[in-house]
């Protein structure tokens, strides 16, 4: 078995793409945390933070790290 790590870097000028990405992880996050999450509250706070950074820097940058395991 081999581990194949990879990183995806993104830069956005609005919070919308990040909220779209986060929607796809809601189910797994709730399973990991063991219960429901106040997603409206999470989105409100995330938008506030992201928008503040975009206002100052002109763009919000982030990286998503993941790993795949390759079995022979």
Protein backbone atom coordinates (compact mmCIF):
# COMPACT_ATOMS: atom_id res chain seq x y z
CA UNK A 1 0.00 0.00 0.00
CA UNK A 2 1.23 3.48 -0.87
CA UNK A 3 0.05 6.82 0.51
CA UNK A 4 -0.45 9.48 -2.14
CA UNK A 5 -0.93 12.90 -0.50
CA UNK A 6 -2.07 15.91 -2.48
CA UNK A 7 -2.94 19.52 -1.77
CA UNK A 8 -5.39 21.70 -3.63
CA UNK A 9 -4.88 25.44 -3.27
CA UNK A 10 -7.71 27.82 -4.09
CA UNK A 11 -8.12 31.60 -4.11
CA UNK A 12 -11.57 33.20 -4.27
CA UNK A 13 -12.92 36.74 -4.35
CA UNK A 14 -16.27 35.83 -2.77
CA UNK A 15 -17.34 33.37 -0.08
CA UNK A 16 -19.87 31.57 -2.32
CA UNK A 17 -17.56 28.83 -3.69
CA UNK A 18 -16.39 27.97 -0.19
CA UNK A 19 -19.94 27.66 1.11
CA UNK A 20 -20.79 25.43 -1.84
CA UNK A 21 -17.81 23.20 -1.02
CA UNK A 22 -18.70 23.03 2.67
CA UNK A 23 -22.24 21.84 1.92
CA UNK A 24 -20.85 18.58 0.57
CA UNK A 25 -19.18 17.78 3.90
CA UNK A 26 -22.13 18.40 6.22
CA UNK A 27 -23.14 14.77 6.61
CA UNK A 28 -19.67 13.53 7.44
CA UNK A 29 -19.04 16.44 9.83
CA UNK A 30 -22.22 15.67 11.75
CA UNK A 31 -21.26 11.99 11.97
CA UNK A 32 -17.77 12.93 13.18
CA UNK A 33 -19.16 15.38 15.77
CA UNK A 34 -21.90 13.00 16.83
CA UNK A 35 -24.88 15.26 16.21
CA UNK A 36 -26.48 18.11 14.32
CA UNK A 37 -24.67 21.38 13.65
CA UNK A 38 -26.10 24.90 13.51
CA UNK A 39 -25.18 25.31 9.83
CA UNK A 40 -26.82 28.74 9.55
CA UNK A 41 -24.60 29.97 12.39
CA UNK A 42 -21.52 28.36 10.87
CA UNK A 43 -22.21 29.95 7.49
CA UNK A 44 -22.88 33.38 9.00
CA UNK A 45 -19.60 33.36 10.93
CA UNK A 46 -17.63 31.89 8.02
CA UNK A 47 -18.96 34.55 5.65
CA UNK A 48 -18.06 37.30 8.11
CA UNK A 49 -14.47 36.05 8.50
CA UNK A 50 -13.94 35.33 4.80
CA UNK A 51 -15.42 38.66 3.73
CA UNK A 52 -13.17 40.55 6.17
CA UNK A 53 -10.09 38.86 4.71
CA UNK A 54 -11.23 39.55 1.14
CA UNK A 55 -11.82 43.20 2.01
CA UNK A 56 -8.25 43.57 3.29
CA UNK A 57 -6.35 41.25 0.93
CA UNK A 58 -8.59 41.26 -2.14
CA UNK A 59 -8.79 37.46 -2.13
CA UNK A 60 -9.24 34.56 0.30
CA UNK A 61 -6.72 31.74 -0.03
CA UNK A 62 -6.92 28.28 1.45
CA UNK A 63 -5.52 24.80 0.92
CA UNK A 64 -7.27 21.47 1.15
CA UNK A 65 -5.04 18.55 2.03
CA UNK A 66 -6.06 14.96 1.49
CA UNK A 67 -4.50 11.58 1.02
CA UNK A 68 -5.35 8.51 -0.99
CA UNK A 69 -4.11 5.03 -0.24
CA UNK A 70 -3.12 3.01 -3.28
CA UNK A 71 -3.36 -0.73 -2.82
CA UNK A 72 -1.51 -3.04 -5.18
